[in-house]
Structures are given as structure tokens and as C-alpha cells.
Amino acid sequence: MSSAEGNLGTVQLLRNFHAAHGMKGFVSQGVLPEMLRATYMRVSKFFLFPIAHRAMWDKDPSKGTPFTKAMAAAVCTMPEGASIAPIETAKIGLQLDATNAYKNNMGLFIRQTIATRGYSGLFVGYFGIAYRQTSWTMAYFATLDDFKKLSSNVVPDSMPKVQQLSGGFMAGMFGACFNTPGDVIRSTIQKRALDSWSKDAAKKVPFSLGLMAGGVKEFFSVAGEIAAQKGVTALWTGFPFKAAHLGGSGALLAMLIPVFKGIMGVDQE
């Protein structure tokens, strides 16, 4: 996704990655922070969503509307962005580490970033991360039940797990339509920052609310640059990969959450 700007296409980006890290890199480079990030954010959102919905609307999600679900989803993802930003930055730092300077070590990347850039260095592209998380979660929870119903019109009732899988897959793909531009812009901002860090002398930036405001401005500025250079569709660079990833994720969550709730004896939504 960071290839959205410039002349590097996805294929060339993959070739460069392979040249730097080999085939092993595709299943190891930055995998630990990705596993931590993905696991935490899914646990967080599925735990907090029904709580947020009941607190905001005084009813379970099953009795809500797409609007109430979307608003509750937006609120329940607020803690996600800030808490996963350092892990997200470490992940892309390791994935773009062409010289293997960090030796695929998340702790080493984080320590060196704090030492040279301050804690603010771990929050590069924060607004893009927050937008990405919020947009997908809102779209997913707002449409999941509707996609499950749509799936039930095609898949027999004797196959409820397949209905859940297909409904979750469609909801996840739908969310990717909104999520992808945020991820493209976020990864571009982070790639630019990491590239500049490798060339410029260390300069710590105090962490403040101004960093967030500047991040919002930078987010939309970079979006405009990408669209001007390569067209608006460039904001959806890598969409097939993203749709498959989030579609599969949404499918598994839609099927497995009810299974684990049953195993753990949880009767609330």
C-alpha cells in the first residue's frame, strides 16, 4: 500500500521485499507485531461493541439499527488507535527494513525510535490508523446482520456456519472499501517518515495534541497528493489483498465468536 505514490507497483515492491528478506520474510518480517496488533484489536472491539451499544442506546445490538451499530462501533474503537499505533509503526518499520538493521526485532525498533525520535515517533500516521480502524469497524458491525440475512437467502438453513462465514466475509469486504484509503495514506506517511529518519539527524518531537492536529492535516494533504499524482483510484491500491484479508477475518469472526461464547457460557450479545 505504501507503493500508492511514486512509480513502484505492487509486483516490484514484492520483488524488492523478497530481495531484502527472502521467502522467509513474507511469513516472518514484522509478523510478531502484526499478530499482537491483530489479536488485541479484535478482542477489544468485539468485547467493547455490545457494551458501547447498550450504554448508548439502552438495547442489545440485535435490536439496533445500522446507524446505532455504526455509532457504537465508532465509540468502541477509540481506545484501539492510540494503543496499537506503536505496534503498527514497529510492524511497518520492520517490513520496510531493507538493510535488516532492526533484525526483525520489534523491541529493538521501539527502543531506537524512542531514543532518536522520542515517543512521538511511535505515533507517526496516528490519524490514519484511527480512521482505518474506525471505518472498518463501523461498516462491519452496521452491515453484518444484513449480510447474514442475505446469505440465508442463498445458503440453506441447515448450514448455519456457512451462512455466518459468507455473511461475515461480505461485511468484511464491504468494510475494506472504506478502510483501504486510510491504510494507503497511513502507510505512505509512515514510509516517508522512516525514509527521512534514515537520512536525517535524530530530532525528537515533543508529544502533544498539536501532533494529532498536524496528523489530520498531513493525512488529507497526502491523500490529495496521491490522487493528483496517480488518480483517485490509487487510494485503493492493494484493495484485492485488503478485501481478501478483511473479508476472511470478518468471516472467521462471525463464525467463531458465537462458538467461543457458547464454550465460555456467555449468553449476552
C-alpha atoms as a PDB file:
ATOM      1  CA  MET A   1       0.000   0.000   0.000  1.00  0.00           C
ATOM      2  CA  SER A   2       2.930   2.294   0.517  1.00  0.00           C
ATOM      3  CA  SER A   3       3.565   1.978  -3.230  1.00  0.00           C
ATOM      4  CA  ALA A   4       0.499   4.109  -3.983  1.00  0.00           C
ATOM      5  CA  GLU A   5       2.754   7.101  -4.605  1.00  0.00           C
ATOM      6  CA  GLY A   6       5.746   7.058  -6.927  1.00  0.00           C
ATOM      7  CA  ASN A   7       6.482   4.583  -9.682  1.00  0.00           C
ATOM      8  CA  LEU A   8       6.816   1.345  -7.728  1.00  0.00           C
ATOM      9  CA  GLY A   9       3.982  -1.072  -8.416  1.00  0.00           C
ATOM     10  CA  THR A  10       2.874  -3.869  -6.124  1.00  0.00           C
ATOM     11  CA  VAL A  11       4.818  -6.517  -8.051  1.00  0.00           C
ATOM     12  CA  GLN A  12       8.060  -4.539  -7.885  1.00  0.00           C
ATOM     13  CA  LEU A  13       7.503  -3.856  -4.200  1.00  0.00           C
ATOM     14  CA  LEU A  14       7.155  -7.582  -3.593  1.00  0.00           C
ATOM     15  CA  ARG A  15      10.309  -8.246  -5.595  1.00  0.00           C
ATOM     16  CA  ASN A  16      12.238  -5.703  -3.554  1.00  0.00           C
ATOM     17  CA  PHE A  17      10.954  -7.227  -0.333  1.00  0.00           C
ATOM     18  CA  HIS A  18      11.967 -10.701  -1.499  1.00  0.00           C
ATOM     19  CA  ALA A  19      15.419  -9.447  -2.441  1.00  0.00           C
ATOM     20  CA  ALA A  20      15.893  -7.972   1.023  1.00  0.00           C
ATOM     21  CA  HIS A  21      14.348 -10.708   3.172  1.00  0.00           C
ATOM     22  CA  GLY A  22      13.845 -13.803   1.003  1.00  0.00           C
ATOM     23  CA  MET A  23      10.764 -16.014   1.002  1.00  0.00           C
ATOM     24  CA  LYS A  24      11.020 -16.392   4.768  1.00  0.00           C
ATOM     25  CA  GLY A  25      10.404 -12.677   5.126  1.00  0.00           C
ATOM     26  CA  PHE A  26       6.831 -12.994   3.866  1.00  0.00           C
ATOM     27  CA  VAL A  27       5.915 -15.079   6.906  1.00  0.00           C
ATOM     28  CA  SER A  28       8.329 -13.637   9.459  1.00  0.00           C
ATOM     29  CA  GLN A  29       9.234  -9.977   8.845  1.00  0.00           C
ATOM     30  CA  GLY A  30       7.062  -7.909  11.168  1.00  0.00           C
ATOM     31  CA  VAL A  31       4.837 -10.893  11.962  1.00  0.00           C
ATOM     32  CA  LEU A  32       5.085 -10.621  15.762  1.00  0.00           C
ATOM     33  CA  PRO A  33       3.798  -7.024  15.961  1.00  0.00           C
ATOM     34  CA  GLU A  34       1.119  -7.892  13.392  1.00  0.00           C
ATOM     35  CA  MET A  35      -0.082 -10.837  15.496  1.00  0.00           C
ATOM     36  CA  LEU A  36      -0.106  -8.707  18.645  1.00  0.00           C
ATOM     37  CA  ARG A  37      -1.932  -5.870  16.914  1.00  0.00           C
ATOM     38  CA  ALA A  38      -4.498  -8.030  15.150  1.00  0.00           C
ATOM     39  CA  THR A  39      -5.293 -10.157  18.199  1.00  0.00           C
ATOM     40  CA  TYR A  40      -5.615  -7.236  20.575  1.00  0.00           C
ATOM     41  CA  MET A  41      -7.759  -5.072  18.325  1.00  0.00           C
ATOM     42  CA  ARG A  42     -10.214  -7.875  17.544  1.00  0.00           C
ATOM     43  CA  VAL A  43     -10.589  -8.818  21.201  1.00  0.00           C
ATOM     44  CA  SER A  44     -11.022  -5.150  22.077  1.00  0.00           C
ATOM     45  CA  LYS A  45     -13.663  -4.304  19.502  1.00  0.00           C
ATOM     46  CA  PHE A  46     -15.784  -7.428  19.988  1.00  0.00           C
ATOM     47  CA  PHE A  47     -15.670  -7.046  23.765  1.00  0.00           C
ATOM     48  CA  LEU A  48     -16.494  -3.354  23.807  1.00  0.00           C
ATOM     49  CA  PHE A  49     -19.047  -3.184  20.962  1.00  0.00           C
ATOM     50  CA  PRO A  50     -22.076  -4.672  22.786  1.00  0.00           C
ATOM     51  CA  ILE A  51     -21.150  -2.739  25.943  1.00  0.00           C
ATOM     52  CA  ALA A  52     -20.987   0.518  23.991  1.00  0.00           C
ATOM     53  CA  HIS A  53     -24.262  -0.219  22.179  1.00  0.00           C
ATOM     54  CA  ARG A  54     -26.171  -0.936  25.384  1.00  0.00           C
ATOM     55  CA  ALA A  55     -24.678   2.103  27.117  1.00  0.00           C
ATOM     56  CA  MET A  56     -25.502   4.440  24.227  1.00  0.00           C
ATOM     57  CA  TRP A  57     -28.887   3.110  23.124  1.00  0.00           C
ATOM     58  CA  ASP A  58     -30.113   1.029  26.083  1.00  0.00           C
ATOM     59  CA  LYS A  59     -30.658  -2.060  23.943  1.00  0.00           C
ATOM     60  CA  ASP A  60     -28.759  -5.041  22.613  1.00  0.00           C
ATOM     61  CA  PRO A  61     -27.151  -4.796  19.164  1.00  0.00           C
ATOM     62  CA  SER A  62     -29.679  -7.299  17.742  1.00  0.00           C
ATOM     63  CA  LYS A  63     -32.407  -4.698  18.381  1.00  0.00           C
ATOM     64  CA  GLY A  64     -30.371  -1.855  16.957  1.00  0.00           C
ATOM     65  CA  THR A  65     -30.293  -0.276  13.515  1.00  0.00           C
ATOM     66  CA  PRO A  66     -27.326   0.084  11.160  1.00  0.00           C
ATOM     67  CA  PHE A  67     -26.964   3.644  12.457  1.00  0.00           C
ATOM     68  CA  THR A  68     -26.914   2.724  16.169  1.00  0.00           C
ATOM     69  CA  LYS A  69     -24.478  -0.107  15.462  1.00  0.00           C
ATOM     70  CA  ALA A  70     -22.189   2.149  13.447  1.00  0.00           C
ATOM     71  CA  MET A  71     -22.125   4.796  16.190  1.00  0.00           C
ATOM     72  CA  ALA A  72     -21.434   2.226  18.899  1.00  0.00           C
ATOM     73  CA  ALA A  73     -18.676   0.737  16.735  1.00  0.00           C
ATOM     74  CA  ALA A  74     -17.088   4.169  16.346  1.00  0.00           C
ATOM     75  CA  VAL A  75     -17.012   4.670  20.109  1.00  0.00           C
ATOM     76  CA  CYS A  76     -15.689   1.193  20.903  1.00  0.00           C
ATOM     77  CA  THR A  77     -12.711   1.643  18.567  1.00  0.00           C
ATOM     78  CA  MET A  78     -11.488   4.849  20.230  1.00  0.00           C
ATOM     79  CA  PRO A  79      -9.036   3.010  22.523  1.00  0.00           C
ATOM     80  CA  GLU A  80      -7.692   0.965  19.603  1.00  0.00           C
ATOM     81  CA  GLY A  81      -5.926   3.634  17.600  1.00  0.00           C
ATOM     82  CA  ALA A  82      -3.820   5.013  20.427  1.00  0.00           C
ATOM     83  CA  SER A  83      -2.956   1.619  21.864  1.00  0.00           C
ATOM     84  CA  ILE A  84      -1.948  -0.117  18.626  1.00  0.00           C
ATOM     85  CA  ALA A  85      -0.141   2.843  16.994  1.00  0.00           C
ATOM     86  CA  PRO A  86       3.315   1.949  18.385  1.00  0.00           C
ATOM     87  CA  ILE A  87       2.875  -1.682  17.329  1.00  0.00           C
ATOM     88  CA  GLU A  88       1.668  -0.610  13.871  1.00  0.00           C
ATOM     89  CA  THR A  89       4.669   1.683  13.452  1.00  0.00           C
ATOM     90  CA  ALA A  90       7.016  -1.104  14.535  1.00  0.00           C
ATOM     91  CA  LYS A  91       5.408  -3.509  12.072  1.00  0.00           C
ATOM     92  CA  ILE A  92       5.869  -1.288   9.047  1.00  0.00           C
ATOM     93  CA  GLY A  93       9.337  -0.317  10.280  1.00  0.00           C
ATOM     94  CA  LEU A  94      10.379  -3.969  10.241  1.00  0.00           C
ATOM     95  CA  GLN A  95       8.683  -4.653   6.910  1.00  0.00           C
ATOM     96  CA  LEU A  96      10.473  -1.717   5.263  1.00  0.00           C
ATOM     97  CA  ASP A  97      13.815  -2.505   6.894  1.00  0.00           C
ATOM     98  CA  ALA A  98      15.717  -3.267   3.672  1.00  0.00           C
ATOM     99  CA  THR A  99      19.108  -3.446   5.436  1.00  0.00           C
ATOM    100  CA  ASN A 100      17.837  -5.612   8.304  1.00  0.00           C
ATOM    101  CA  ALA A 101      19.109  -3.009  10.755  1.00  0.00           C
ATOM    102  CA  TYR A 102      16.486  -4.000  13.349  1.00  0.00           C
ATOM    103  CA  LYS A 103      16.927  -7.766  12.810  1.00  0.00           C
ATOM    104  CA  ASN A 104      13.143  -8.254  12.775  1.00  0.00           C
ATOM    105  CA  ASN A 105      13.091  -7.277  16.463  1.00  0.00           C
ATOM    106  CA  MET A 106      10.107  -5.154  17.481  1.00  0.00           C
ATOM    107  CA  GLY A 107      11.645  -4.222  20.829  1.00  0.00           C
ATOM    108  CA  LEU A 108      14.833  -3.005  19.155  1.00  0.00           C
ATOM    109  CA  PHE A 109      12.868  -0.840  16.725  1.00  0.00           C
ATOM    110  CA  ILE A 110      10.776   0.695  19.522  1.00  0.00           C
ATOM    111  CA  ARG A 111      13.798   1.399  21.753  1.00  0.00           C
ATOM    112  CA  GLN A 112      15.776   3.016  18.947  1.00  0.00           C
ATOM    113  CA  THR A 113      12.789   5.073  17.824  1.00  0.00           C
ATOM    114  CA  ILE A 114      12.190   6.420  21.336  1.00  0.00           C
ATOM    115  CA  ALA A 115      15.908   7.135  21.753  1.00  0.00           C
ATOM    116  CA  THR A 116      16.234   9.050  18.473  1.00  0.00           C
ATOM    117  CA  ARG A 117      12.731  10.431  17.817  1.00  0.00           C
ATOM    118  CA  GLY A 118      11.021  10.408  21.171  1.00  0.00           C
ATOM    119  CA  TYR A 119       7.710   8.740  21.995  1.00  0.00           C
ATOM    120  CA  SER A 120       6.029  10.812  19.274  1.00  0.00           C
ATOM    121  CA  GLY A 121       7.968   8.778  16.711  1.00  0.00           C
ATOM    122  CA  LEU A 122       5.841   5.751  17.581  1.00  0.00           C
ATOM    123  CA  PHE A 123       2.670   7.645  16.632  1.00  0.00           C
ATOM    124  CA  VAL A 124       3.578   8.575  13.065  1.00  0.00           C
ATOM    125  CA  GLY A 125       0.442   8.305  10.921  1.00  0.00           C
ATOM    126  CA  TYR A 126      -1.777   8.022  14.002  1.00  0.00           C
ATOM    127  CA  PHE A 127      -4.843   9.643  12.434  1.00  0.00           C
ATOM    128  CA  GLY A 128      -4.677   7.226   9.509  1.00  0.00           C
ATOM    129  CA  ILE A 129      -4.556   4.304  11.932  1.00  0.00           C
ATOM    130  CA  ALA A 130      -7.546   5.641  13.875  1.00  0.00           C
ATOM    131  CA  TYR A 131      -9.506   6.275  10.662  1.00  0.00           C
ATOM    132  CA  ARG A 132      -8.711   2.817   9.328  1.00  0.00           C
ATOM    133  CA  GLN A 133      -9.831   1.055  12.496  1.00  0.00           C
ATOM    134  CA  THR A 134     -12.981   3.110  12.929  1.00  0.00           C
ATOM    135  CA  SER A 135     -14.172   2.982   9.317  1.00  0.00           C
ATOM    136  CA  TRP A 136     -13.891  -0.797   9.013  1.00  0.00           C
ATOM    137  CA  THR A 137     -15.466  -1.480  12.402  1.00  0.00           C
ATOM    138  CA  MET A 138     -18.406   0.840  11.702  1.00  0.00           C
ATOM    139  CA  ALA A 139     -19.075  -0.689   8.288  1.00  0.00           C
ATOM    140  CA  TYR A 140     -18.664  -4.253   9.549  1.00  0.00           C
ATOM    141  CA  PHE A 141     -20.980  -4.090  12.560  1.00  0.00           C
ATOM    142  CA  ALA A 142     -23.534  -1.922  10.738  1.00  0.00           C
ATOM    143  CA  THR A 143     -23.953  -4.450   7.915  1.00  0.00           C
ATOM    144  CA  LEU A 144     -23.078  -7.854   9.414  1.00  0.00           C
ATOM    145  CA  ASP A 145     -26.632  -8.868  10.315  1.00  0.00           C
ATOM    146  CA  ASP A 146     -27.954  -7.697   6.938  1.00  0.00           C
ATOM    147  CA  PHE A 147     -25.295  -9.661   5.070  1.00  0.00           C
ATOM    148  CA  LYS A 148     -26.071 -12.726   7.182  1.00  0.00           C
ATOM    149  CA  LYS A 149     -29.735 -12.420   6.197  1.00  0.00           C
ATOM    150  CA  LEU A 150     -28.746 -12.012   2.558  1.00  0.00           C
ATOM    151  CA  SER A 151     -26.603 -15.122   2.848  1.00  0.00           C
ATOM    152  CA  SER A 152     -29.511 -17.085   4.330  1.00  0.00           C
ATOM    153  CA  ASN A 153     -31.435 -16.476   1.100  1.00  0.00           C
ATOM    154  CA  VAL A 154     -28.797 -18.455  -0.771  1.00  0.00           C
ATOM    155  CA  VAL A 155     -27.322 -20.868   1.780  1.00  0.00           C
ATOM    156  CA  PRO A 156     -29.716 -23.459   3.302  1.00  0.00           C
ATOM    157  CA  ASP A 157     -30.667 -23.060   6.966  1.00  0.00           C
ATOM    158  CA  SER A 158     -29.140 -26.491   7.553  1.00  0.00           C
ATOM    159  CA  MET A 159     -25.722 -24.849   7.082  1.00  0.00           C
ATOM    160  CA  PRO A 160     -25.721 -22.009   9.683  1.00  0.00           C
ATOM    161  CA  LYS A 161     -21.926 -21.885   9.908  1.00  0.00           C
ATOM    162  CA  VAL A 162     -21.678 -21.304   6.176  1.00  0.00           C
ATOM    163  CA  GLN A 163     -24.267 -18.532   6.479  1.00  0.00           C
ATOM    164  CA  GLN A 164     -22.167 -16.911   9.189  1.00  0.00           C
ATOM    165  CA  LEU A 165     -18.966 -17.307   7.190  1.00  0.00           C
ATOM    166  CA  SER A 166     -20.376 -15.873   3.973  1.00  0.00           C
ATOM    167  CA  GLY A 167     -22.193 -13.037   5.758  1.00  0.00           C
ATOM    168  CA  GLY A 168     -19.064 -12.144   7.700  1.00  0.00           C
ATOM    169  CA  PHE A 169     -16.967 -12.288   4.547  1.00  0.00           C
ATOM    170  CA  MET A 170     -19.243  -9.864   2.707  1.00  0.00           C
ATOM    171  CA  ALA A 171     -19.358  -7.480   5.695  1.00  0.00           C
ATOM    172  CA  GLY A 172     -15.565  -7.608   5.970  1.00  0.00           C
ATOM    173  CA  MET A 173     -15.127  -6.876   2.265  1.00  0.00           C
ATOM    174  CA  PHE A 174     -17.616  -4.018   2.495  1.00  0.00           C
ATOM    175  CA  GLY A 175     -15.627  -2.532   5.344  1.00  0.00           C
ATOM    176  CA  ALA A 176     -12.450  -2.789   3.260  1.00  0.00           C
ATOM    177  CA  CYS A 177     -13.958  -0.333   0.768  1.00  0.00           C
ATOM    178  CA  PHE A 178     -13.749   2.377   3.450  1.00  0.00           C
ATOM    179  CA  ASN A 179     -10.688   1.063   5.250  1.00  0.00           C
ATOM    180  CA  THR A 180      -8.286   0.786   2.304  1.00  0.00           C
ATOM    181  CA  PRO A 181      -7.773   4.518   1.540  1.00  0.00           C
ATOM    182  CA  GLY A 182      -6.936   5.149   5.192  1.00  0.00           C
ATOM    183  CA  ASP A 183      -4.409   2.334   5.185  1.00  0.00           C
ATOM    184  CA  VAL A 184      -2.839   3.523   1.923  1.00  0.00           C
ATOM    185  CA  ILE A 185      -2.428   7.056   3.267  1.00  0.00           C
ATOM    186  CA  ARG A 186      -1.248   5.860   6.675  1.00  0.00           C
ATOM    187  CA  SER A 187       1.388   3.534   5.239  1.00  0.00           C
ATOM    188  CA  THR A 188       2.575   6.244   2.839  1.00  0.00           C
ATOM    189  CA  ILE A 189       3.004   8.717   5.707  1.00  0.00           C
ATOM    190  CA  GLN A 190       4.875   6.154   7.775  1.00  0.00           C
ATOM    191  CA  LYS A 191       7.101   5.143   4.854  1.00  0.00           C
ATOM    192  CA  ARG A 192       8.009   8.780   4.210  1.00  0.00           C
ATOM    193  CA  ALA A 193       8.842   9.277   7.873  1.00  0.00           C
ATOM    194  CA  LEU A 194      11.008   6.158   8.058  1.00  0.00           C
ATOM    195  CA  ASP A 195      12.799   7.118   4.851  1.00  0.00           C
ATOM    196  CA  SER A 196      13.537  10.597   6.211  1.00  0.00           C
ATOM    197  CA  TRP A 197      14.726   9.165   9.535  1.00  0.00           C
ATOM    198  CA  SER A 198      17.324   7.065   7.722  1.00  0.00           C
ATOM    199  CA  LYS A 199      18.746  10.218   6.101  1.00  0.00           C
ATOM    200  CA  ASP A 200      18.271  12.987   8.657  1.00  0.00           C
ATOM    201  CA  ALA A 201      19.852  13.523  12.042  1.00  0.00           C
ATOM    202  CA  ALA A 202      17.772  12.463  15.021  1.00  0.00           C
ATOM    203  CA  LYS A 203      15.302  15.085  16.136  1.00  0.00           C
ATOM    204  CA  LYS A 204      12.898  14.449  18.980  1.00  0.00           C
ATOM    205  CA  VAL A 205       9.453  15.997  18.698  1.00  0.00           C
ATOM    206  CA  PRO A 206       7.526  16.608  21.948  1.00  0.00           C
ATOM    207  CA  PHE A 207       4.293  14.637  22.117  1.00  0.00           C
ATOM    208  CA  SER A 208       1.294  16.982  22.244  1.00  0.00           C
ATOM    209  CA  LEU A 209      -2.224  17.480  20.970  1.00  0.00           C
ATOM    210  CA  GLY A 210      -0.666  19.555  18.206  1.00  0.00           C
ATOM    211  CA  LEU A 211       0.856  16.358  16.851  1.00  0.00           C
ATOM    212  CA  MET A 212      -2.647  14.974  16.355  1.00  0.00           C
ATOM    213  CA  ALA A 213      -3.892  18.150  14.656  1.00  0.00           C
ATOM    214  CA  GLY A 214      -0.875  18.160  12.374  1.00  0.00           C
ATOM    215  CA  GLY A 215      -1.517  14.493  11.635  1.00  0.00           C
ATOM    216  CA  VAL A 216      -5.051  15.221  10.422  1.00  0.00           C
ATOM    217  CA  LYS A 217      -3.750  17.925   8.097  1.00  0.00           C
ATOM    218  CA  GLU A 218      -0.987  15.651   6.823  1.00  0.00           C
ATOM    219  CA  PHE A 219      -3.470  12.805   6.246  1.00  0.00           C
ATOM    220  CA  PHE A 220      -5.637  14.828   3.877  1.00  0.00           C
ATOM    221  CA  SER A 221      -2.635  16.509   2.274  1.00  0.00           C
ATOM    222  CA  VAL A 222      -1.069  13.148   1.393  1.00  0.00           C
ATOM    223  CA  ALA A 223      -4.434  11.890   0.122  1.00  0.00           C
ATOM    224  CA  GLY A 224      -4.582  14.866  -2.240  1.00  0.00           C
ATOM    225  CA  GLU A 225      -1.008  14.281  -3.415  1.00  0.00           C
ATOM    226  CA  ILE A 226      -1.633  10.611  -4.210  1.00  0.00           C
ATOM    227  CA  ALA A 227      -4.865  11.413  -6.055  1.00  0.00           C
ATOM    228  CA  ALA A 228      -3.176  14.202  -8.033  1.00  0.00           C
ATOM    229  CA  GLN A 229      -0.211  12.024  -8.996  1.00  0.00           C
ATOM    230  CA  LYS A 230      -1.896   8.740  -9.851  1.00  0.00           C
ATOM    231  CA  GLY A 231      -5.642   9.374  -9.763  1.00  0.00           C
ATOM    232  CA  VAL A 232      -8.252   8.849  -7.074  1.00  0.00           C
ATOM    233  CA  THR A 233      -8.230   5.075  -7.637  1.00  0.00           C
ATOM    234  CA  ALA A 234      -4.645   4.968  -6.317  1.00  0.00           C
ATOM    235  CA  LEU A 235      -6.144   5.437  -2.841  1.00  0.00           C
ATOM    236  CA  TRP A 236      -7.447   1.880  -3.219  1.00  0.00           C
ATOM    237  CA  THR A 237      -4.043   0.423  -4.095  1.00  0.00           C
ATOM    238  CA  GLY A 238      -3.867  -3.171  -2.877  1.00  0.00           C
ATOM    239  CA  PHE A 239      -7.646  -3.409  -2.438  1.00  0.00           C
ATOM    240  CA  PRO A 240      -7.910  -7.049  -3.625  1.00  0.00           C
ATOM    241  CA  PHE A 241      -5.400  -8.102  -0.960  1.00  0.00           C
ATOM    242  CA  LYS A 242      -7.111  -5.980   1.674  1.00  0.00           C
ATOM    243  CA  ALA A 243     -10.581  -7.216   0.754  1.00  0.00           C
ATOM    244  CA  ALA A 244      -9.466 -10.858   0.904  1.00  0.00           C
ATOM    245  CA  HIS A 245      -7.704 -10.285   4.224  1.00  0.00           C
ATOM    246  CA  LEU A 246     -10.520  -8.392   5.937  1.00  0.00           C
ATOM    247  CA  GLY A 247     -13.207 -10.498   4.278  1.00  0.00           C
ATOM    248  CA  GLY A 248     -11.598 -13.651   5.638  1.00  0.00           C
ATOM    249  CA  SER A 249     -11.094 -12.031   9.019  1.00  0.00           C
ATOM    250  CA  GLY A 250     -14.712 -10.908   9.141  1.00  0.00           C
ATOM    251  CA  ALA A 251     -15.902 -14.375   8.117  1.00  0.00           C
ATOM    252  CA  LEU A 252     -13.944 -16.174  10.825  1.00  0.00           C
ATOM    253  CA  LEU A 253     -15.027 -13.694  13.492  1.00  0.00           C
ATOM    254  CA  ALA A 254     -18.689 -14.017  12.533  1.00  0.00           C
ATOM    255  CA  MET A 255     -18.454 -17.797  12.859  1.00  0.00           C
ATOM    256  CA  LEU A 256     -16.044 -18.205  15.785  1.00  0.00           C
ATOM    257  CA  ILE A 257     -17.324 -15.540  18.196  1.00  0.00           C
ATOM    258  CA  PRO A 258     -20.646 -17.406  18.754  1.00  0.00           C
ATOM    259  CA  VAL A 259     -18.696 -20.670  19.134  1.00  0.00           C
ATOM    260  CA  PHE A 260     -16.398 -19.280  21.836  1.00  0.00           C
ATOM    261  CA  LYS A 261     -19.297 -17.552  23.573  1.00  0.00           C
ATOM    262  CA  GLY A 262     -21.025 -20.914  23.804  1.00  0.00           C
ATOM    263  CA  ILE A 263     -17.902 -22.623  25.112  1.00  0.00           C
ATOM    264  CA  MET A 264     -17.423 -19.931  27.764  1.00  0.00           C
ATOM    265  CA  GLY A 265     -21.108 -19.814  28.712  1.00  0.00           C
ATOM    266  CA  VAL A 266     -21.607 -16.184  27.671  1.00  0.00           C
ATOM    267  CA  ASP A 267     -25.286 -15.547  26.961  1.00  0.00           C
ATOM    268  CA  GLN A 268     -25.079 -11.796  26.300  1.00  0.00           C
ATOM    269  CA  GLU A 269     -24.561 -10.383  22.810  1.00  0.00           C
END
